[in-house]
Amino acid sequence: MTFKAEYIWIDGTEPTAKLRSKTKIMDGAPSGDVADLPIWGFDGSSTNQAEGHASDRVLKPVFTCPDPIRGGDDVLVLCEVFNIDMTPHESNT
């Protein structure tokens, strides 16, 4: 059994930030505990959160809830953005 976890975060667009997301297919069923969701990386250069070099960023889940659009076992996962060294990214608000 699998479920979709839609990781959602605020990007670095200025002057008005935008929402970004990507979907992770997970094995099993969601536990409902955000601590059970893994951190996940992304390329920050495509979201205005890094230059073209050294652009890896980390998504850390901080909240989860059932996905009201997809339904079933799928979940929405709100995330904070961290630099690769796990310091908070400046776009966290």
PDB file of N, CA and C in Angstrom:
ATOM      1  N   MET A   1       0.836  -1.178   0.000  1.00  0.00           N
ATOM      2  CA  MET A   1       0.000   0.000   0.000  1.00  0.00           C
ATOM      3  C   MET A   1       0.887   1.249   0.000  1.00  0.00           C
ATOM      4  N   THR A   2       0.491   2.247  -0.750  1.00  0.00           N
ATOM      5  CA  THR A   2       1.235   3.509  -0.810  1.00  0.00           C
ATOM      6  C   THR A   2       0.285   4.691  -0.601  1.00  0.00           C
ATOM      7  N   PHE A   3       0.883   5.838  -0.298  1.00  0.00           N
ATOM      8  CA  PHE A   3       0.111   7.081  -0.228  1.00  0.00           C
ATOM      9  C   PHE A   3       0.976   8.207  -0.765  1.00  0.00           C
ATOM     10  N   LYS A   4       0.334   9.318  -1.133  1.00  0.00           N
ATOM     11  CA  LYS A   4       1.044  10.489  -1.633  1.00  0.00           C
ATOM     12  C   LYS A   4       1.162  11.520  -0.517  1.00  0.00           C
ATOM     13  N   ALA A   5       2.373  12.020  -0.336  1.00  0.00           N
ATOM     14  CA  ALA A   5       2.628  13.109   0.607  1.00  0.00           C
ATOM     15  C   ALA A   5       3.010  14.332  -0.219  1.00  0.00           C
ATOM     16  N   GLU A   6       2.170  15.355  -0.211  1.00  0.00           N
ATOM     17  CA  GLU A   6       2.419  16.578  -0.973  1.00  0.00           C
ATOM     18  C   GLU A   6       3.172  17.563  -0.084  1.00  0.00           C
ATOM     19  N   TYR A   7       4.486  17.679  -0.312  1.00  0.00           N
ATOM     20  CA  TYR A   7       5.341  18.583   0.458  1.00  0.00           C
ATOM     21  C   TYR A   7       5.139  20.008  -0.072  1.00  0.00           C
ATOM     22  N   ILE A   8       4.796  20.937   0.810  1.00  0.00           N
ATOM     23  CA  ILE A   8       4.469  22.314   0.436  1.00  0.00           C
ATOM     24  C   ILE A   8       5.377  23.267   1.212  1.00  0.00           C
ATOM     25  N   TRP A   9       5.918  24.265   0.506  1.00  0.00           N
ATOM     26  CA  TRP A   9       6.773  25.249   1.166  1.00  0.00           C
ATOM     27  C   TRP A   9       6.651  26.600   0.490  1.00  0.00           C
ATOM     28  N   ILE A  10       7.140  27.639   1.181  1.00  0.00           N
ATOM     29  CA  ILE A  10       7.156  28.999   0.650  1.00  0.00           C
ATOM     30  C   ILE A  10       8.496  29.214  -0.035  1.00  0.00           C
ATOM     31  N   ASP A  11       8.453  29.726  -1.277  1.00  0.00           N
ATOM     32  CA  ASP A  11       9.697  29.914  -2.027  1.00  0.00           C
ATOM     33  C   ASP A  11      10.340  31.260  -1.702  1.00  0.00           C
ATOM     34  N   GLY A  12      11.379  31.605  -2.449  1.00  0.00           N
ATOM     35  CA  GLY A  12      12.128  32.831  -2.188  1.00  0.00           C
ATOM     36  C   GLY A  12      11.809  33.967  -3.137  1.00  0.00           C
ATOM     37  N   THR A  13      10.687  33.900  -3.856  1.00  0.00           N
ATOM     38  CA  THR A  13      10.316  34.952  -4.793  1.00  0.00           C
ATOM     39  C   THR A  13      10.033  36.253  -4.044  1.00  0.00           C
ATOM     40  N   GLU A  14      10.550  37.356  -4.584  1.00  0.00           N
ATOM     41  CA  GLU A  14      10.313  38.672  -3.982  1.00  0.00           C
ATOM     42  C   GLU A  14       9.682  39.590  -5.012  1.00  0.00           C
ATOM     43  N   PRO A  15       8.807  40.497  -4.654  1.00  0.00           N
ATOM     44  CA  PRO A  15       8.464  40.858  -3.282  1.00  0.00           C
ATOM     45  C   PRO A  15       7.397  39.952  -2.657  1.00  0.00           C
ATOM     46  N   THR A  16       6.733  39.136  -3.447  1.00  0.00           N
ATOM     47  CA  THR A  16       5.676  38.279  -2.909  1.00  0.00           C
ATOM     48  C   THR A  16       6.047  36.814  -3.105  1.00  0.00           C
ATOM     49  N   ALA A  17       6.272  36.123  -2.007  1.00  0.00           N
ATOM     50  CA  ALA A  17       6.626  34.699  -2.078  1.00  0.00           C
ATOM     51  C   ALA A  17       5.451  33.891  -2.619  1.00  0.00           C
ATOM     52  N   LYS A  18       5.780  32.734  -3.197  1.00  0.00           N
ATOM     53  CA  LYS A  18       4.768  31.833  -3.749  1.00  0.00           C
ATOM     54  C   LYS A  18       4.861  30.484  -3.054  1.00  0.00           C
ATOM     55  N   LEU A  19       3.798  29.713  -3.178  1.00  0.00           N
ATOM     56  CA  LEU A  19       3.822  28.348  -2.665  1.00  0.00           C
ATOM     57  C   LEU A  19       4.407  27.424  -3.714  1.00  0.00           C
ATOM     58  N   ARG A  20       5.203  26.472  -3.267  1.00  0.00           N
ATOM     59  CA  ARG A  20       5.759  25.421  -4.119  1.00  0.00           C
ATOM     60  C   ARG A  20       5.371  24.085  -3.518  1.00  0.00           C
ATOM     61  N   SER A  21       5.392  23.050  -4.350  1.00  0.00           N
ATOM     62  CA  SER A  21       5.126  21.713  -3.801  1.00  0.00           C
ATOM     63  C   SER A  21       5.715  20.654  -4.706  1.00  0.00           C
ATOM     64  N   LYS A  22       5.901  19.492  -4.130  1.00  0.00           N
ATOM     65  CA  LYS A  22       6.253  18.304  -4.895  1.00  0.00           C
ATOM     66  C   LYS A  22       5.727  17.096  -4.138  1.00  0.00           C
ATOM     67  N   THR A  23       5.465  16.034  -4.893  1.00  0.00           N
ATOM     68  CA  THR A  23       4.802  14.859  -4.334  1.00  0.00           C
ATOM     69  C   THR A  23       5.785  13.727  -4.119  1.00  0.00           C
ATOM     70  N   LYS A  24       5.716  13.123  -2.948  1.00  0.00           N
ATOM     71  CA  LYS A  24       6.541  11.958  -2.612  1.00  0.00           C
ATOM     72  C   LYS A  24       5.605  10.766  -2.439  1.00  0.00           C
ATOM     73  N   ILE A  25       5.895   9.674  -3.137  1.00  0.00           N
ATOM     74  CA  ILE A  25       5.134   8.435  -2.981  1.00  0.00           C
ATOM     75  C   ILE A  25       5.762   7.659  -1.832  1.00  0.00           C
ATOM     76  N   MET A  26       4.956   7.357  -0.830  1.00  0.00           N
ATOM     77  CA  MET A  26       5.456   6.716   0.387  1.00  0.00           C
ATOM     78  C   MET A  26       4.829   5.334   0.537  1.00  0.00           C
ATOM     79  N   ASP A  27       5.597   4.410   1.084  1.00  0.00           N
ATOM     80  CA  ASP A  27       5.089   3.068   1.375  1.00  0.00           C
ATOM     81  C   ASP A  27       4.301   3.075   2.676  1.00  0.00           C
ATOM     82  N   GLY A  28       3.322   2.187   2.769  1.00  0.00           N
ATOM     83  CA  GLY A  28       2.548   2.037   3.997  1.00  0.00           C
ATOM     84  C   GLY A  28       1.372   2.982   4.044  1.00  0.00           C
ATOM     85  N   ALA A  29       1.001   3.358   5.261  1.00  0.00           N
ATOM     86  CA  ALA A  29      -0.094   4.293   5.495  1.00  0.00           C
ATOM     87  C   ALA A  29       0.424   5.408   6.393  1.00  0.00           C
ATOM     88  N   PRO A  30      -0.104   6.622   6.242  1.00  0.00           N
ATOM     89  CA  PRO A  30       0.379   7.719   7.083  1.00  0.00           C
ATOM     90  C   PRO A  30       0.038   7.488   8.549  1.00  0.00           C
ATOM     91  N   SER A  31       0.979   7.824   9.422  1.00  0.00           N
ATOM     92  CA  SER A  31       0.768   7.625  10.858  1.00  0.00           C
ATOM     93  C   SER A  31       0.031   8.802  11.494  1.00  0.00           C
ATOM     94  N   GLY A  32       0.049   9.949  10.809  1.00  0.00           N
ATOM     95  CA  GLY A  32      -0.524  11.156  11.386  1.00  0.00           C
ATOM     96  C   GLY A  32       0.477  11.952  12.201  1.00  0.00           C
ATOM     97  N   ASP A  33       1.671  11.392  12.415  1.00  0.00           N
ATOM     98  CA  ASP A  33       2.724  12.054  13.185  1.00  0.00           C
ATOM     99  C   ASP A  33       3.747  12.651  12.224  1.00  0.00           C
ATOM    100  N   VAL A  34       3.891  13.965  12.249  1.00  0.00           N
ATOM    101  CA  VAL A  34       4.809  14.640  11.337  1.00  0.00           C
ATOM    102  C   VAL A  34       6.244  14.142  11.501  1.00  0.00           C
ATOM    103  N   ALA A  35       6.610  13.663  12.679  1.00  0.00           N
ATOM    104  CA  ALA A  35       7.966  13.156  12.922  1.00  0.00           C
ATOM    105  C   ALA A  35       8.269  11.907  12.100  1.00  0.00           C
ATOM    106  N   ASP A  36       7.243  11.229  11.606  1.00  0.00           N
ATOM    107  CA  ASP A  36       7.450  10.027  10.798  1.00  0.00           C
ATOM    108  C   ASP A  36       7.698  10.336   9.327  1.00  0.00           C
ATOM    109  N   LEU A  37       7.567  11.590   8.929  1.00  0.00           N
ATOM    110  CA  LEU A  37       7.791  11.977   7.535  1.00  0.00           C
ATOM    111  C   LEU A  37       9.251  12.378   7.351  1.00  0.00           C
ATOM    112  N   PRO A  38       9.910  11.888   6.303  1.00  0.00           N
ATOM    113  CA  PRO A  38      11.335  12.178   6.116  1.00  0.00           C
ATOM    114  C   PRO A  38      11.593  13.592   5.604  1.00  0.00           C
ATOM    115  N   ILE A  39      12.793  14.117   5.921  1.00  0.00           N
ATOM    116  CA  ILE A  39      13.219  15.342   5.260  1.00  0.00           C
ATOM    117  C   ILE A  39      13.455  14.990   3.798  1.00  0.00           C
ATOM    118  N   TRP A  40      13.434  16.010   2.930  1.00  0.00           N
ATOM    119  CA  TRP A  40      13.546  15.762   1.499  1.00  0.00           C
ATOM    120  C   TRP A  40      14.267  16.939   0.870  1.00  0.00           C
ATOM    121  N   GLY A  41      15.119  16.689  -0.085  1.00  0.00           N
ATOM    122  CA  GLY A  41      15.890  17.738  -0.731  1.00  0.00           C
ATOM    123  C   GLY A  41      15.248  18.262  -1.999  1.00  0.00           C
ATOM    124  N   PHE A  42      15.709  19.447  -2.415  1.00  0.00           N
ATOM    125  CA  PHE A  42      15.286  20.019  -3.694  1.00  0.00           C
ATOM    126  C   PHE A  42      16.340  21.009  -4.163  1.00  0.00           C
ATOM    127  N   ASP A  43      16.237  21.420  -5.423  1.00  0.00           N
ATOM    128  CA  ASP A  43      17.165  22.371  -6.025  1.00  0.00           C
ATOM    129  C   ASP A  43      16.635  23.785  -5.804  1.00  0.00           C
ATOM    130  N   GLY A  44      17.253  24.515  -4.907  1.00  0.00           N
ATOM    131  CA  GLY A  44      16.792  25.852  -4.564  1.00  0.00           C
ATOM    132  C   GLY A  44      16.969  26.889  -5.654  1.00  0.00           C
ATOM    133  N   SER A  45      17.756  26.597  -6.693  1.00  0.00           N
ATOM    134  CA  SER A  45      17.947  27.592  -7.752  1.00  0.00           C
ATOM    135  C   SER A  45      16.672  27.790  -8.569  1.00  0.00           C
ATOM    136  N   SER A  46      15.792  26.798  -8.586  1.00  0.00           N
ATOM    137  CA  SER A  46      14.548  26.924  -9.351  1.00  0.00           C
ATOM    138  C   SER A  46      13.436  27.602  -8.555  1.00  0.00           C
ATOM    139  N   THR A  47      13.685  27.884  -7.271  1.00  0.00           N
ATOM    140  CA  THR A  47      12.669  28.509  -6.416  1.00  0.00           C
ATOM    141  C   THR A  47      13.156  29.828  -5.811  1.00  0.00           C
ATOM    142  N   ASN A  48      14.195  30.394  -6.392  1.00  0.00           N
ATOM    143  CA  ASN A  48      14.787  31.644  -5.900  1.00  0.00           C
ATOM    144  C   ASN A  48      15.302  31.518  -4.470  1.00  0.00           C
ATOM    145  N   GLN A  49      15.799  30.333  -4.115  1.00  0.00           N
ATOM    146  CA  GLN A  49      16.330  30.121  -2.773  1.00  0.00           C
ATOM    147  C   GLN A  49      17.800  29.719  -2.798  1.00  0.00           C
ATOM    148  N   ALA A  50      18.431  29.838  -3.978  1.00  0.00           N
ATOM    149  CA  ALA A  50      19.860  29.536  -4.105  1.00  0.00           C
ATOM    150  C   ALA A  50      20.355  30.024  -5.457  1.00  0.00           C
ATOM    151  N   GLU A  51      21.660  30.221  -5.541  1.00  0.00           N
ATOM    152  CA  GLU A  51      22.306  30.498  -6.819  1.00  0.00           C
ATOM    153  C   GLU A  51      22.448  29.176  -7.565  1.00  0.00           C
ATOM    154  N   GLY A  52      22.949  29.214  -8.778  1.00  0.00           N
ATOM    155  CA  GLY A  52      23.097  28.007  -9.581  1.00  0.00           C
ATOM    156  C   GLY A  52      24.069  26.986  -9.017  1.00  0.00           C
ATOM    157  N   HIS A  53      25.044  27.435  -8.227  1.00  0.00           N
ATOM    158  CA  HIS A  53      26.010  26.519  -7.614  1.00  0.00           C
ATOM    159  C   HIS A  53      25.603  26.273  -6.162  1.00  0.00           C
ATOM    160  N   ALA A  54      25.931  25.141  -5.626  1.00  0.00           N
ATOM    161  CA  ALA A  54      25.604  24.807  -4.227  1.00  0.00           C
ATOM    162  C   ALA A  54      24.141  25.116  -3.926  1.00  0.00           C
ATOM    163  N   SER A  55      23.249  24.581  -4.741  1.00  0.00           N
ATOM    164  CA  SER A  55      21.836  24.956  -4.648  1.00  0.00           C
ATOM    165  C   SER A  55      20.957  23.957  -3.901  1.00  0.00           C
ATOM    166  N   ASP A  56      21.549  22.927  -3.299  1.00  0.00           N
ATOM    167  CA  ASP A  56      20.736  21.954  -2.562  1.00  0.00           C
ATOM    168  C   ASP A  56      20.108  22.610  -1.339  1.00  0.00           C
ATOM    169  N   ARG A  57      18.816  22.359  -1.151  1.00  0.00           N
ATOM    170  CA  ARG A  57      18.073  22.824   0.017  1.00  0.00           C
ATOM    171  C   ARG A  57      17.315  21.636   0.595  1.00  0.00           C
ATOM    172  N   VAL A  58      16.863  21.767   1.838  1.00  0.00           N
ATOM    173  CA  VAL A  58      16.210  20.665   2.550  1.00  0.00           C
ATOM    174  C   VAL A  58      14.815  21.099   2.990  1.00  0.00           C
ATOM    175  N   LEU A  59      13.834  20.219   2.789  1.00  0.00           N
ATOM    176  CA  LEU A  59      12.474  20.435   3.280  1.00  0.00           C
ATOM    177  C   LEU A  59      12.286  19.625   4.552  1.00  0.00           C
ATOM    178  N   LYS A  60      11.947  20.309   5.641  1.00  0.00           N
ATOM    179  CA  LYS A  60      11.709  19.635   6.914  1.00  0.00           C
ATOM    180  C   LYS A  60      10.219  19.741   7.246  1.00  0.00           C
ATOM    181  N   PRO A  61       9.512  18.607   7.296  1.00  0.00           N
ATOM    182  CA  PRO A  61       8.084  18.637   7.624  1.00  0.00           C
ATOM    183  C   PRO A  61       7.840  19.202   9.026  1.00  0.00           C
ATOM    184  N   VAL A  62       6.831  20.083   9.135  1.00  0.00           N
ATOM    185  CA  VAL A  62       6.464  20.650  10.433  1.00  0.00           C
ATOM    186  C   VAL A  62       4.983  20.462  10.760  1.00  0.00           C
ATOM    187  N   PHE A  63       4.176  20.104   9.762  1.00  0.00           N
ATOM    188  CA  PHE A  63       2.739  19.903   9.982  1.00  0.00           C
ATOM    189  C   PHE A  63       2.207  18.995   8.883  1.00  0.00           C
ATOM    190  N   THR A  64       1.274  18.133   9.232  1.00  0.00           N
ATOM    191  CA  THR A  64       0.630  17.283   8.234  1.00  0.00           C
ATOM    192  C   THR A  64      -0.859  17.183   8.530  1.00  0.00           C
ATOM    193  N   CYS A  65      -1.640  17.007   7.464  1.00  0.00           N
ATOM    194  CA  CYS A  65      -3.079  16.814   7.599  1.00  0.00           C
ATOM    195  C   CYS A  65      -3.568  16.018   6.391  1.00  0.00           C
ATOM    196  N   PRO A  66      -4.749  15.423   6.470  1.00  0.00           N
ATOM    197  CA  PRO A  66      -5.284  14.692   5.320  1.00  0.00           C
ATOM    198  C   PRO A  66      -5.435  15.626   4.118  1.00  0.00           C
ATOM    199  N   ASP A  67      -5.203  15.098   2.930  1.00  0.00           N
ATOM    200  CA  ASP A  67      -5.340  15.874   1.699  1.00  0.00           C
ATOM    201  C   ASP A  67      -6.827  15.940   1.329  1.00  0.00           C
ATOM    202  N   PRO A  68      -7.455  17.130   1.405  1.00  0.00           N
ATOM    203  CA  PRO A  68      -8.889  17.219   1.134  1.00  0.00           C
ATOM    204  C   PRO A  68      -9.242  17.076  -0.343  1.00  0.00           C
ATOM    205  N   ILE A  69      -8.275  17.233  -1.234  1.00  0.00           N
ATOM    206  CA  ILE A  69      -8.537  17.122  -2.669  1.00  0.00           C
ATOM    207  C   ILE A  69      -8.396  15.675  -3.131  1.00  0.00           C
ATOM    208  N   ARG A  70      -7.274  15.058  -2.824  1.00  0.00           N
ATOM    209  CA  ARG A  70      -7.035  13.680  -3.257  1.00  0.00           C
ATOM    210  C   ARG A  70      -7.809  12.673  -2.418  1.00  0.00           C
ATOM    211  N   GLY A  71      -7.963  12.975  -1.137  1.00  0.00           N
ATOM    212  CA  GLY A  71      -8.686  12.065  -0.249  1.00  0.00           C
ATOM    213  C   GLY A  71      -7.882  10.810   0.049  1.00  0.00           C
ATOM    214  N   GLY A  72      -8.567   9.767   0.453  1.00  0.00           N
ATOM    215  CA  GLY A  72      -7.915   8.509   0.796  1.00  0.00           C
ATOM    216  C   GLY A  72      -6.898   8.703   1.898  1.00  0.00           C
ATOM    217  N   ASP A  73      -5.753   8.037   1.764  1.00  0.00           N
ATOM    218  CA  ASP A  73      -4.681   8.142   2.757  1.00  0.00           C
ATOM    219  C   ASP A  73      -3.689   9.260   2.451  1.00  0.00           C
ATOM    220  N   ASP A  74      -3.893   9.993   1.350  1.00  0.00           N
ATOM    221  CA  ASP A  74      -2.938  11.022   0.951  1.00  0.00           C
ATOM    222  C   ASP A  74      -2.936  12.180   1.949  1.00  0.00           C
ATOM    223  N   VAL A  75      -1.760  12.830   2.092  1.00  0.00           N
ATOM    224  CA  VAL A  75      -1.598  13.899   3.080  1.00  0.00           C
ATOM    225  C   VAL A  75      -0.930  15.132   2.478  1.00  0.00           C
ATOM    226  N   LEU A  76      -1.209  16.279   3.088  1.00  0.00           N
ATOM    227  CA  LEU A  76      -0.481  17.511   2.820  1.00  0.00           C
ATOM    228  C   LEU A  76       0.582  17.653   3.899  1.00  0.00           C
ATOM    229  N   VAL A  77       1.771  18.115   3.510  1.00  0.00           N
ATOM    230  CA  VAL A  77       2.888  18.241   4.446  1.00  0.00           C
ATOM    231  C   VAL A  77       3.453  19.656   4.322  1.00  0.00           C
ATOM    232  N   LEU A  78       3.228  20.488   5.325  1.00  0.00           N
ATOM    233  CA  LEU A  78       3.796  21.834   5.326  1.00  0.00           C
ATOM    234  C   LEU A  78       5.228  21.753   5.838  1.00  0.00           C
ATOM    235  N   CYS A  79       6.138  22.470   5.151  1.00  0.00           N
ATOM    236  CA  CYS A  79       7.569  22.327   5.438  1.00  0.00           C
ATOM    237  C   CYS A  79       8.254  23.665   5.661  1.00  0.00           C
ATOM    238  N   GLU A  80       9.337  23.626   6.428  1.00  0.00           N
ATOM    239  CA  GLU A  80      10.285  24.724   6.520  1.00  0.00           C
ATOM    240  C   GLU A  80      11.441  24.394   5.585  1.00  0.00           C
ATOM    241  N   VAL A  81      12.106  25.434   5.089  1.00  0.00           N
ATOM    242  CA  VAL A  81      13.252  25.249   4.201  1.00  0.00           C
ATOM    243  C   VAL A  81      14.536  25.468   4.994  1.00  0.00           C
ATOM    244  N   PHE A  82      15.477  24.539   4.828  1.00  0.00           N
ATOM    245  CA  PHE A  82      16.778  24.631   5.485  1.00  0.00           C
ATOM    246  C   PHE A  82      17.881  24.576   4.441  1.00  0.00           C
ATOM    247  N   ASN A  83      19.016  25.188   4.775  1.00  0.00           N
ATOM    248  CA  ASN A  83      20.213  25.031   3.962  1.00  0.00           C
ATOM    249  C   ASN A  83      20.723  23.610   4.162  1.00  0.00           C
ATOM    250  N   ILE A  84      21.657  23.195   3.334  1.00  0.00           N
ATOM    251  CA  ILE A  84      22.166  21.825   3.396  1.00  0.00           C
ATOM    252  C   ILE A  84      22.838  21.523   4.740  1.00  0.00           C
ATOM    253  N   ASP A  85      23.333  22.551   5.440  1.00  0.00           N
ATOM    254  CA  ASP A  85      23.939  22.343   6.763  1.00  0.00           C
ATOM    255  C   ASP A  85      22.900  22.372   7.891  1.00  0.00           C
ATOM    256  N   MET A  86      21.625  22.379   7.515  1.00  0.00           N
ATOM    257  CA  MET A  86      20.470  22.355   8.425  1.00  0.00           C
ATOM    258  C   MET A  86      20.298  23.643   9.233  1.00  0.00           C
ATOM    259  N   THR A  87      20.859  24.746   8.745  1.00  0.00           N
ATOM    260  CA  THR A  87      20.523  26.051   9.305  1.00  0.00           C
ATOM    261  C   THR A  87      19.280  26.552   8.568  1.00  0.00           C
ATOM    262  N   PRO A  88      18.405  27.292   9.244  1.00  0.00           N
ATOM    263  CA  PRO A  88      17.188  27.770   8.581  1.00  0.00           C
ATOM    264  C   PRO A  88      17.526  28.663   7.389  1.00  0.00           C
ATOM    265  N   HIS A  89      16.803  28.479   6.307  1.00  0.00           N
ATOM    266  CA  HIS A  89      16.994  29.323   5.128  1.00  0.00           C
ATOM    267  C   HIS A  89      16.375  30.693   5.395  1.00  0.00           C
ATOM    268  N   GLU A  90      16.958  31.732   4.820  1.00  0.00           N
ATOM    269  CA  GLU A  90      16.482  33.100   5.058  1.00  0.00           C
ATOM    270  C   GLU A  90      15.045  33.329   4.592  1.00  0.00           C
ATOM    271  N   SER A  91      14.511  32.470   3.715  1.00  0.00           N
ATOM    272  CA  SER A  91      13.135  32.653   3.238  1.00  0.00           C
ATOM    273  C   SER A  91      12.087  32.119   4.213  1.00  0.00           C
ATOM    274  N   ASN A  92      12.514  31.411   5.264  1.00  0.00           N
ATOM    275  CA  ASN A  92      11.547  30.974   6.281  1.00  0.00           C
ATOM    276  C   ASN A  92      10.971  32.214   6.952  1.00  0.00           C
ATOM    277  N   THR A  93       9.656  32.262   7.044  1.00  0.00           N
ATOM    278  CA  THR A  93       9.030  33.427   7.691  1.00  0.00           C
ATOM    279  C   THR A  93       8.082  32.992   8.776  1.00  0.00           C
TER     280      THR A  93
END
